[in-house]
Amino acid sequence: MTDSLYTPSGIAYDASAPREGGLPVVLIHAGIADRRMWDPILGDLSADRTVVRVDLRGYGASTTRPEGVLDHVADVVSTLEHLRITRCHLVGASFGSGVATEVALTRPDLAQSLLLCPPGGSLLAELTPDLRAFFDAEKAALAGGDLDAAVEANVTSWVAGPGRDVAEVEPSVVSAVREMQRNVFEIAEAWGDVDQAELEPPALERLNELDLPVLVLVGGHDLDTTHDAARRVCAGAPQARRVDWDDVAHLPSMERPAEFAALVRGWTTEHDPS
């Protein structure tokens, strides 16, 4: 990982060299990953605009336990303020998409656009059978103290996804997620129980307030709950549109990095201030 910089409250981040022109892009990782998930696209994106990656608290190098309630939205906002970023494009993956959406709802002045790739976290509404099966497998593994099995439950459900075997996924993607997910479990184990802030009213009840362009990217091998979330966002957010990549699962940016970088470049260029 690129050497980490830290905010005063202990949030790890890195930022590319300042670029003139388009607004910065802020990347918020998935819950099965950390900011390293963006490694394959970082060089491409940072060629023509500033790119910021954060490790949410409890992920990657952001290992400082919160003094009170864990509040990812406040951590992202304080990181942007630390970097003196007053407007940006927010790109979130899975859990990070939920955080990005909550940032946009809490501080609409900061968000120029949202790219949700795919929606997850606080944007998930349905406990579909495939999501229940994942929860049951992960819970059983953690109850037995078997972190390796818990990691594999995540890899099977989210990286391979329904209809695919793990062996069909690029090995470097699988190994990267295994490493990042295990790190998440180890931090959580060291911390113990931590209360987490929740947006009230929830983001799913406020999608009509998203007065900005929203792009939703969904993989064909993703879970049913993710497809349900994508439908809800596209129905509720006034300026939302959807793109489907049939050959990927829950991490399209890692499976198809060149195409994903091109998607982000085109989206952000289209929605930069005129």
C-alpha atoms as a PDB file:
ATOM      1  CA  MET A   1       0.000   0.000   0.000  1.00  0.00           C
ATOM      2  CA  THR A   2       1.049   3.558  -0.629  1.00  0.00           C
ATOM      3  CA  ASP A   3       2.418   5.140   2.530  1.00  0.00           C
ATOM      4  CA  SER A   4      -0.467   6.355   4.629  1.00  0.00           C
ATOM      5  CA  LEU A   5      -1.152   9.895   5.660  1.00  0.00           C
ATOM      6  CA  TYR A   6      -3.432  10.449   8.636  1.00  0.00           C
ATOM      7  CA  THR A   7      -6.017  12.974   9.728  1.00  0.00           C
ATOM      8  CA  PRO A   8      -5.814  14.212  13.332  1.00  0.00           C
ATOM      9  CA  SER A   9      -8.481  11.672  14.317  1.00  0.00           C
ATOM     10  CA  GLY A  10      -6.576   8.742  12.802  1.00  0.00           C
ATOM     11  CA  ILE A  11      -8.164   8.225   9.378  1.00  0.00           C
ATOM     12  CA  ALA A  12      -5.630   6.899   6.884  1.00  0.00           C
ATOM     13  CA  TYR A  13      -5.718   8.244   3.357  1.00  0.00           C
ATOM     14  CA  ASP A  14      -3.583   9.029   0.354  1.00  0.00           C
ATOM     15  CA  ALA A  15      -4.001  11.621  -2.354  1.00  0.00           C
ATOM     16  CA  SER A  16      -2.465  12.022  -5.785  1.00  0.00           C
ATOM     17  CA  ALA A  17      -0.677  15.184  -6.779  1.00  0.00           C
ATOM     18  CA  PRO A  18      -3.013  18.178  -7.182  1.00  0.00           C
ATOM     19  CA  ARG A  19      -4.323  18.597 -10.732  1.00  0.00           C
ATOM     20  CA  GLU A  20      -5.937  21.629 -12.272  1.00  0.00           C
ATOM     21  CA  GLY A  21      -9.197  21.211 -14.093  1.00  0.00           C
ATOM     22  CA  GLY A  22     -11.757  18.671 -12.951  1.00  0.00           C
ATOM     23  CA  LEU A  23     -12.964  18.231  -9.400  1.00  0.00           C
ATOM     24  CA  PRO A  24     -11.258  15.661  -7.158  1.00  0.00           C
ATOM     25  CA  VAL A  25     -12.498  12.086  -7.095  1.00  0.00           C
ATOM     26  CA  VAL A  26     -12.886  10.541  -3.639  1.00  0.00           C
ATOM     27  CA  LEU A  27     -12.877   6.731  -3.506  1.00  0.00           C
ATOM     28  CA  ILE A  28     -14.619   4.919  -0.625  1.00  0.00           C
ATOM     29  CA  HIS A  29     -13.956   1.188  -0.454  1.00  0.00           C
ATOM     30  CA  ALA A  30     -16.190  -1.841   0.067  1.00  0.00           C
ATOM     31  CA  GLY A  31     -16.768  -3.471   3.444  1.00  0.00           C
ATOM     32  CA  ILE A  32     -14.812  -6.550   2.345  1.00  0.00           C
ATOM     33  CA  ALA A  33     -11.824  -4.428   1.419  1.00  0.00           C
ATOM     34  CA  ASP A  34      -9.874  -1.277   2.174  1.00  0.00           C
ATOM     35  CA  ARG A  35      -8.425   1.476   0.031  1.00  0.00           C
ATOM     36  CA  ARG A  36      -6.048  -1.004  -1.624  1.00  0.00           C
ATOM     37  CA  MET A  37      -8.985  -2.244  -3.702  1.00  0.00           C
ATOM     38  CA  TRP A  38      -8.505   0.849  -5.870  1.00  0.00           C
ATOM     39  CA  ASP A  39      -4.833   0.065  -6.671  1.00  0.00           C
ATOM     40  CA  PRO A  40      -5.552  -1.187 -10.222  1.00  0.00           C
ATOM     41  CA  ILE A  41      -7.228   2.081 -11.275  1.00  0.00           C
ATOM     42  CA  LEU A  42      -5.319   4.667  -9.271  1.00  0.00           C
ATOM     43  CA  GLY A  43      -2.649   5.491 -11.851  1.00  0.00           C
ATOM     44  CA  ASP A  44      -5.189   5.781 -14.638  1.00  0.00           C
ATOM     45  CA  LEU A  45      -7.524   8.093 -12.716  1.00  0.00           C
ATOM     46  CA  SER A  46      -4.830  10.295 -11.220  1.00  0.00           C
ATOM     47  CA  ALA A  47      -3.353  11.137 -14.611  1.00  0.00           C
ATOM     48  CA  ASP A  48      -5.773  14.013 -15.127  1.00  0.00           C
ATOM     49  CA  ARG A  49      -7.367  14.861 -11.758  1.00  0.00           C
ATOM     50  CA  THR A  50      -6.748  14.635  -8.034  1.00  0.00           C
ATOM     51  CA  VAL A  51      -7.744  11.279  -6.548  1.00  0.00           C
ATOM     52  CA  VAL A  52      -8.221  10.681  -2.814  1.00  0.00           C
ATOM     53  CA  ARG A  53      -8.581   7.263  -1.195  1.00  0.00           C
ATOM     54  CA  VAL A  54      -9.636   6.801   2.414  1.00  0.00           C
ATOM     55  CA  ASP A  55      -9.563   3.822   4.739  1.00  0.00           C
ATOM     56  CA  LEU A  56     -12.784   3.946   6.711  1.00  0.00           C
ATOM     57  CA  ARG A  57     -12.221   3.573  10.444  1.00  0.00           C
ATOM     58  CA  GLY A  58     -11.720  -0.103  11.235  1.00  0.00           C
ATOM     59  CA  TYR A  59     -10.322  -0.908   7.793  1.00  0.00           C
ATOM     60  CA  GLY A  60      -6.843  -0.955   6.301  1.00  0.00           C
ATOM     61  CA  ALA A  61      -4.538   1.420   8.149  1.00  0.00           C
ATOM     62  CA  SER A  62      -7.353   3.268   9.982  1.00  0.00           C
ATOM     63  CA  THR A  63      -6.962   1.197  13.128  1.00  0.00           C
ATOM     64  CA  THR A  64      -7.599   3.934  15.722  1.00  0.00           C
ATOM     65  CA  ARG A  65     -10.630   2.893  17.757  1.00  0.00           C
ATOM     66  CA  PRO A  66     -13.260   5.644  17.934  1.00  0.00           C
ATOM     67  CA  GLU A  67     -13.489   7.500  21.226  1.00  0.00           C
ATOM     68  CA  GLY A  68     -17.286   7.371  21.044  1.00  0.00           C
ATOM     69  CA  VAL A  69     -19.699   6.189  18.394  1.00  0.00           C
ATOM     70  CA  LEU A  70     -18.206   4.980  15.114  1.00  0.00           C
ATOM     71  CA  ASP A  71     -19.341   7.517  12.509  1.00  0.00           C
ATOM     72  CA  HIS A  72     -18.062   6.876   8.987  1.00  0.00           C
ATOM     73  CA  VAL A  73     -19.853   9.883   7.517  1.00  0.00           C
ATOM     74  CA  ALA A  74     -18.237  12.253  10.017  1.00  0.00           C
ATOM     75  CA  ASP A  75     -14.843  10.648   9.344  1.00  0.00           C
ATOM     76  CA  VAL A  76     -15.148  11.124   5.577  1.00  0.00           C
ATOM     77  CA  VAL A  77     -16.349  14.717   5.965  1.00  0.00           C
ATOM     78  CA  SER A  78     -13.523  15.559   8.373  1.00  0.00           C
ATOM     79  CA  THR A  79     -11.005  14.002   5.968  1.00  0.00           C
ATOM     80  CA  LEU A  80     -12.282  16.194   3.123  1.00  0.00           C
ATOM     81  CA  GLU A  81     -12.102  19.236   5.384  1.00  0.00           C
ATOM     82  CA  HIS A  82      -8.562  18.249   6.388  1.00  0.00           C
ATOM     83  CA  LEU A  83      -7.653  18.176   2.679  1.00  0.00           C
ATOM     84  CA  ARG A  84      -9.534  21.447   2.034  1.00  0.00           C
ATOM     85  CA  ILE A  85     -11.749  19.745  -0.522  1.00  0.00           C
ATOM     86  CA  THR A  86     -14.993  21.693  -0.817  1.00  0.00           C
ATOM     87  CA  ARG A  87     -16.544  19.826  -3.764  1.00  0.00           C
ATOM     88  CA  CYS A  88     -15.843  16.396  -5.256  1.00  0.00           C
ATOM     89  CA  HIS A  89     -17.155  13.361  -7.078  1.00  0.00           C
ATOM     90  CA  LEU A  90     -17.867  10.515  -4.623  1.00  0.00           C
ATOM     91  CA  VAL A  91     -17.213   6.956  -5.811  1.00  0.00           C
ATOM     92  CA  GLY A  92     -18.304   4.218  -3.432  1.00  0.00           C
ATOM     93  CA  ALA A  93     -18.152   0.432  -3.580  1.00  0.00           C
ATOM     94  CA  SER A  94     -20.755  -1.613  -1.683  1.00  0.00           C
ATOM     95  CA  PHE A  95     -20.618  -0.513   1.976  1.00  0.00           C
ATOM     96  CA  GLY A  96     -18.710   2.543   0.761  1.00  0.00           C
ATOM     97  CA  SER A  97     -21.622   3.388  -1.534  1.00  0.00           C
ATOM     98  CA  GLY A  98     -23.869   3.637   1.479  1.00  0.00           C
ATOM     99  CA  VAL A  99     -21.355   5.904   3.203  1.00  0.00           C
ATOM    100  CA  ALA A 100     -20.966   8.052   0.067  1.00  0.00           C
ATOM    101  CA  THR A 101     -24.747   8.406  -0.243  1.00  0.00           C
ATOM    102  CA  GLU A 102     -25.033   9.412   3.419  1.00  0.00           C
ATOM    103  CA  VAL A 103     -22.266  11.989   2.948  1.00  0.00           C
ATOM    104  CA  ALA A 104     -24.164  13.441  -0.009  1.00  0.00           C
ATOM    105  CA  LEU A 105     -27.363  13.610   2.035  1.00  0.00           C
ATOM    106  CA  THR A 106     -25.647  15.073   5.103  1.00  0.00           C
ATOM    107  CA  ARG A 107     -23.423  17.534   3.234  1.00  0.00           C
ATOM    108  CA  PRO A 108     -24.891  18.110  -0.238  1.00  0.00           C
ATOM    109  CA  ASP A 109     -22.490  21.024  -0.693  1.00  0.00           C
ATOM    110  CA  LEU A 110     -19.596  18.542  -0.877  1.00  0.00           C
ATOM    111  CA  ALA A 111     -20.957  16.137  -3.492  1.00  0.00           C
ATOM    112  CA  GLN A 112     -20.976  16.929  -7.211  1.00  0.00           C
ATOM    113  CA  SER A 113     -21.984  13.408  -8.247  1.00  0.00           C
ATOM    114  CA  LEU A 114     -22.294   9.857  -6.936  1.00  0.00           C
ATOM    115  CA  LEU A 115     -21.012   6.674  -8.553  1.00  0.00           C
ATOM    116  CA  LEU A 116     -22.286   3.612  -6.665  1.00  0.00           C
ATOM    117  CA  CYS A 117     -20.406   0.518  -7.795  1.00  0.00           C
ATOM    118  CA  PRO A 118     -22.482  -1.262  -6.625  1.00  0.00           C
ATOM    119  CA  PRO A 119     -24.941  -0.003  -3.988  1.00  0.00           C
ATOM    120  CA  GLY A 120     -24.542  -1.688  -0.603  1.00  0.00           C
ATOM    121  CA  GLY A 121     -24.325  -1.069   3.112  1.00  0.00           C
ATOM    122  CA  SER A 122     -27.129   1.241   4.218  1.00  0.00           C
ATOM    123  CA  LEU A 123     -28.678   0.978   0.730  1.00  0.00           C
ATOM    124  CA  LEU A 124     -29.506  -2.723   1.142  1.00  0.00           C
ATOM    125  CA  ALA A 125     -33.135  -3.349   2.080  1.00  0.00           C
ATOM    126  CA  GLU A 126     -33.964  -7.001   1.410  1.00  0.00           C
ATOM    127  CA  LEU A 127     -32.713 -10.032   3.342  1.00  0.00           C
ATOM    128  CA  THR A 128     -32.754 -12.199   0.233  1.00  0.00           C
ATOM    129  CA  PRO A 129     -32.028 -15.946   0.503  1.00  0.00           C
ATOM    130  CA  ASP A 130     -28.500 -15.520  -0.874  1.00  0.00           C
ATOM    131  CA  LEU A 131     -27.746 -12.760   1.631  1.00  0.00           C
ATOM    132  CA  ARG A 132     -29.152 -14.862   4.497  1.00  0.00           C
ATOM    133  CA  ALA A 133     -26.966 -17.794   3.426  1.00  0.00           C
ATOM    134  CA  PHE A 134     -23.914 -15.542   3.503  1.00  0.00           C
ATOM    135  CA  PHE A 135     -24.778 -14.148   6.950  1.00  0.00           C
ATOM    136  CA  ASP A 136     -25.304 -17.672   8.316  1.00  0.00           C
ATOM    137  CA  ALA A 137     -21.972 -18.917   6.927  1.00  0.00           C
ATOM    138  CA  GLU A 138     -19.989 -15.931   8.189  1.00  0.00           C
ATOM    139  CA  LYS A 139     -21.666 -15.990  11.611  1.00  0.00           C
ATOM    140  CA  ALA A 140     -20.986 -19.705  12.079  1.00  0.00           C
ATOM    141  CA  ALA A 141     -17.331 -19.289  11.119  1.00  0.00           C
ATOM    142  CA  LEU A 142     -16.789 -16.342  13.459  1.00  0.00           C
ATOM    143  CA  ALA A 143     -18.604 -18.101  16.311  1.00  0.00           C
ATOM    144  CA  GLY A 144     -16.149 -20.960  15.898  1.00  0.00           C
ATOM    145  CA  GLY A 145     -13.170 -18.611  15.820  1.00  0.00           C
ATOM    146  CA  ASP A 146     -12.323 -19.656  12.263  1.00  0.00           C
ATOM    147  CA  LEU A 147     -11.269 -16.443  10.501  1.00  0.00           C
ATOM    148  CA  ASP A 148     -10.165 -18.337   7.400  1.00  0.00           C
ATOM    149  CA  ALA A 149     -13.654 -19.804   6.961  1.00  0.00           C
ATOM    150  CA  ALA A 150     -15.225 -16.396   7.571  1.00  0.00           C
ATOM    151  CA  VAL A 151     -12.986 -14.898   4.892  1.00  0.00           C
ATOM    152  CA  GLU A 152     -13.950 -17.654   2.461  1.00  0.00           C
ATOM    153  CA  ALA A 153     -17.652 -17.045   3.116  1.00  0.00           C
ATOM    154  CA  ASN A 154     -17.111 -13.454   1.979  1.00  0.00           C
ATOM    155  CA  VAL A 155     -15.055 -14.449  -1.038  1.00  0.00           C
ATOM    156  CA  THR A 156     -17.601 -17.054  -2.149  1.00  0.00           C
ATOM    157  CA  SER A 157     -20.620 -14.746  -1.779  1.00  0.00           C
ATOM    158  CA  TRP A 158     -19.236 -11.398  -2.889  1.00  0.00           C
ATOM    159  CA  VAL A 159     -16.150 -11.993  -5.060  1.00  0.00           C
ATOM    160  CA  ALA A 160     -17.388 -15.038  -6.974  1.00  0.00           C
ATOM    161  CA  GLY A 161     -21.091 -14.439  -6.464  1.00  0.00           C
ATOM    162  CA  PRO A 162     -24.090 -16.551  -7.394  1.00  0.00           C
ATOM    163  CA  GLY A 163     -23.554 -18.677 -10.460  1.00  0.00           C
ATOM    164  CA  ARG A 164     -19.745 -18.683 -10.347  1.00  0.00           C
ATOM    165  CA  ASP A 165     -16.975 -20.605  -8.651  1.00  0.00           C
ATOM    166  CA  VAL A 166     -14.081 -18.780  -6.986  1.00  0.00           C
ATOM    167  CA  ALA A 167     -11.749 -20.477  -9.469  1.00  0.00           C
ATOM    168  CA  GLU A 168     -13.420 -18.501 -12.272  1.00  0.00           C
ATOM    169  CA  VAL A 169     -12.280 -15.173 -10.796  1.00  0.00           C
ATOM    170  CA  GLU A 170      -8.878 -13.635 -11.479  1.00  0.00           C
ATOM    171  CA  PRO A 171      -6.609 -15.075  -8.729  1.00  0.00           C
ATOM    172  CA  SER A 172      -5.043 -11.700  -7.912  1.00  0.00           C
ATOM    173  CA  VAL A 173      -8.504 -10.292  -7.113  1.00  0.00           C
ATOM    174  CA  VAL A 174      -9.305 -13.222  -4.834  1.00  0.00           C
ATOM    175  CA  SER A 175      -5.996 -13.052  -2.971  1.00  0.00           C
ATOM    176  CA  ALA A 176      -6.254  -9.285  -2.510  1.00  0.00           C
ATOM    177  CA  VAL A 177      -9.743  -9.543  -1.012  1.00  0.00           C
ATOM    178  CA  ARG A 178      -8.698 -12.402   1.250  1.00  0.00           C
ATOM    179  CA  GLU A 179      -5.919 -10.251   2.676  1.00  0.00           C
ATOM    180  CA  MET A 180      -8.072  -7.139   3.093  1.00  0.00           C
ATOM    181  CA  GLN A 181     -11.054  -8.985   4.587  1.00  0.00           C
ATOM    182  CA  ARG A 182      -8.910 -10.842   7.109  1.00  0.00           C
ATOM    183  CA  ASN A 183      -7.446  -7.504   8.211  1.00  0.00           C
ATOM    184  CA  VAL A 184     -10.999  -6.201   8.801  1.00  0.00           C
ATOM    185  CA  PHE A 185     -11.801  -9.186  11.019  1.00  0.00           C
ATOM    186  CA  GLU A 186      -8.580  -8.788  12.973  1.00  0.00           C
ATOM    187  CA  ILE A 187      -9.227  -5.102  13.691  1.00  0.00           C
ATOM    188  CA  ALA A 188     -12.817  -5.859  14.772  1.00  0.00           C
ATOM    189  CA  GLU A 189     -11.568  -8.628  17.044  1.00  0.00           C
ATOM    190  CA  ALA A 190      -9.062  -6.262  18.670  1.00  0.00           C
ATOM    191  CA  TRP A 191     -11.641  -3.513  19.179  1.00  0.00           C
ATOM    192  CA  GLY A 192     -14.524  -5.514  20.606  1.00  0.00           C
ATOM    193  CA  ASP A 193     -18.034  -4.070  20.512  1.00  0.00           C
ATOM    194  CA  VAL A 194     -18.374  -0.542  19.121  1.00  0.00           C
ATOM    195  CA  ASP A 195     -21.617   1.393  18.666  1.00  0.00           C
ATOM    196  CA  GLN A 196     -22.124   2.757  15.157  1.00  0.00           C
ATOM    197  CA  ALA A 197     -23.951   5.916  14.128  1.00  0.00           C
ATOM    198  CA  GLU A 198     -26.975   5.558  11.873  1.00  0.00           C
ATOM    199  CA  LEU A 199     -28.434   8.231   9.644  1.00  0.00           C
ATOM    200  CA  GLU A 200     -31.951   9.274  10.642  1.00  0.00           C
ATOM    201  CA  PRO A 201     -34.116   9.111   8.646  1.00  0.00           C
ATOM    202  CA  PRO A 202     -32.256   6.335   6.760  1.00  0.00           C
ATOM    203  CA  ALA A 203     -30.772   6.967   3.337  1.00  0.00           C
ATOM    204  CA  LEU A 204     -33.275   4.641   1.644  1.00  0.00           C
ATOM    205  CA  GLU A 205     -36.098   6.896   2.829  1.00  0.00           C
ATOM    206  CA  ARG A 206     -34.377  10.026   1.494  1.00  0.00           C
ATOM    207  CA  LEU A 207     -33.306   9.054  -2.013  1.00  0.00           C
ATOM    208  CA  ASN A 208     -35.569  11.758  -3.452  1.00  0.00           C
ATOM    209  CA  GLU A 209     -33.322  14.318  -1.714  1.00  0.00           C
ATOM    210  CA  LEU A 210     -30.329  13.358  -3.858  1.00  0.00           C
ATOM    211  CA  ASP A 211     -30.275  16.437  -6.059  1.00  0.00           C
ATOM    212  CA  LEU A 212     -27.232  15.368  -8.065  1.00  0.00           C
ATOM    213  CA  PRO A 213     -26.315  12.905 -10.831  1.00  0.00           C
ATOM    214  CA  VAL A 214     -26.137   9.276  -9.623  1.00  0.00           C
ATOM    215  CA  LEU A 215     -24.696   6.363 -11.589  1.00  0.00           C
ATOM    216  CA  VAL A 216     -25.387   2.810 -10.381  1.00  0.00           C
ATOM    217  CA  LEU A 217     -23.146  -0.032 -11.607  1.00  0.00           C
ATOM    218  CA  VAL A 218     -24.228  -3.626 -10.960  1.00  0.00           C
ATOM    219  CA  GLY A 219     -22.637  -6.965 -11.816  1.00  0.00           C
ATOM    220  CA  GLY A 220     -24.581  -9.880 -13.232  1.00  0.00           C
ATOM    221  CA  HIS A 221     -23.089 -12.244 -10.639  1.00  0.00           C
ATOM    222  CA  ASP A 222     -23.971 -10.028  -7.687  1.00  0.00           C
ATOM    223  CA  LEU A 223     -26.450 -10.991  -4.964  1.00  0.00           C
ATOM    224  CA  ASP A 224     -30.188 -10.443  -5.376  1.00  0.00           C
ATOM    225  CA  THR A 225     -30.145  -7.927  -2.528  1.00  0.00           C
ATOM    226  CA  THR A 226     -27.743  -5.742  -4.510  1.00  0.00           C
ATOM    227  CA  HIS A 227     -29.953  -5.807  -7.585  1.00  0.00           C
ATOM    228  CA  ASP A 228     -32.896  -4.881  -5.377  1.00  0.00           C
ATOM    229  CA  ALA A 229     -30.920  -1.948  -3.957  1.00  0.00           C
ATOM    230  CA  ALA A 230     -30.025  -0.785  -7.463  1.00  0.00           C
ATOM    231  CA  ARG A 231     -33.696  -0.793  -8.441  1.00  0.00           C
ATOM    232  CA  ARG A 232     -34.599   1.207  -5.339  1.00  0.00           C
ATOM    233  CA  VAL A 233     -31.898   3.819  -5.952  1.00  0.00           C
ATOM    234  CA  CYS A 234     -32.825   4.223  -9.603  1.00  0.00           C
ATOM    235  CA  ALA A 235     -36.502   4.546  -8.722  1.00  0.00           C
ATOM    236  CA  GLY A 236     -35.912   6.986  -5.872  1.00  0.00           C
ATOM    237  CA  ALA A 237     -33.036   9.266  -6.908  1.00  0.00           C
ATOM    238  CA  PRO A 238     -34.288  11.817  -9.468  1.00  0.00           C
ATOM    239  CA  GLN A 239     -31.131  11.855 -11.609  1.00  0.00           C
ATOM    240  CA  ALA A 240     -30.087   8.199 -11.348  1.00  0.00           C
ATOM    241  CA  ARG A 241     -29.153   5.918 -14.183  1.00  0.00           C
ATOM    242  CA  ARG A 242     -27.903   2.340 -14.248  1.00  0.00           C
ATOM    243  CA  VAL A 243     -25.173   0.361 -16.003  1.00  0.00           C
ATOM    244  CA  ASP A 244     -24.988  -3.462 -15.884  1.00  0.00           C
ATOM    245  CA  TRP A 245     -21.849  -5.549 -16.410  1.00  0.00           C
ATOM    246  CA  ASP A 246     -23.024  -9.123 -16.744  1.00  0.00           C
ATOM    247  CA  ASP A 247     -19.615 -10.793 -16.303  1.00  0.00           C
ATOM    248  CA  VAL A 248     -18.634  -9.455 -12.853  1.00  0.00           C
ATOM    249  CA  ALA A 249     -19.842  -9.781  -9.259  1.00  0.00           C
ATOM    250  CA  HIS A 250     -19.672  -7.310  -6.370  1.00  0.00           C
ATOM    251  CA  LEU A 251     -16.320  -5.681  -7.193  1.00  0.00           C
ATOM    252  CA  PRO A 252     -16.468  -4.491 -10.812  1.00  0.00           C
ATOM    253  CA  SER A 253     -13.585  -2.056 -10.336  1.00  0.00           C
ATOM    254  CA  MET A 254     -11.261  -4.925  -9.410  1.00  0.00           C
ATOM    255  CA  GLU A 255     -12.470  -7.359 -12.062  1.00  0.00           C
ATOM    256  CA  ARG A 256     -12.450  -4.892 -14.961  1.00  0.00           C
ATOM    257  CA  PRO A 257     -10.144  -2.061 -13.863  1.00  0.00           C
ATOM    258  CA  ALA A 258      -9.417  -0.526 -17.271  1.00  0.00           C
ATOM    259  CA  GLU A 259     -13.103  -0.341 -18.193  1.00  0.00           C
ATOM    260  CA  PHE A 260     -13.981   0.937 -14.742  1.00  0.00           C
ATOM    261  CA  ALA A 261     -11.383   3.698 -14.894  1.00  0.00           C
ATOM    262  CA  ALA A 262     -12.775   4.730 -18.283  1.00  0.00           C
ATOM    263  CA  LEU A 263     -16.282   4.756 -16.816  1.00  0.00           C
ATOM    264  CA  VAL A 264     -15.192   7.012 -13.945  1.00  0.00           C
ATOM    265  CA  ARG A 265     -13.286   9.349 -16.281  1.00  0.00           C
ATOM    266  CA  GLY A 266     -16.258   9.707 -18.584  1.00  0.00           C
ATOM    267  CA  TRP A 267     -18.747  10.155 -15.753  1.00  0.00           C
ATOM    268  CA  THR A 268     -16.725  12.759 -13.874  1.00  0.00           C
ATOM    269  CA  THR A 269     -15.865  14.699 -17.021  1.00  0.00           C
ATOM    270  CA  GLU A 270     -19.543  14.768 -17.986  1.00  0.00           C
ATOM    271  CA  HIS A 271     -20.534  16.058 -14.561  1.00  0.00           C
ATOM    272  CA  ASP A 272     -17.734  18.461 -13.738  1.00  0.00           C
ATOM    273  CA  PRO A 273     -18.999  22.031 -13.226  1.00  0.00           C
ATOM    274  CA  SER A 274     -19.275  23.811 -16.559  1.00  0.00           C
END
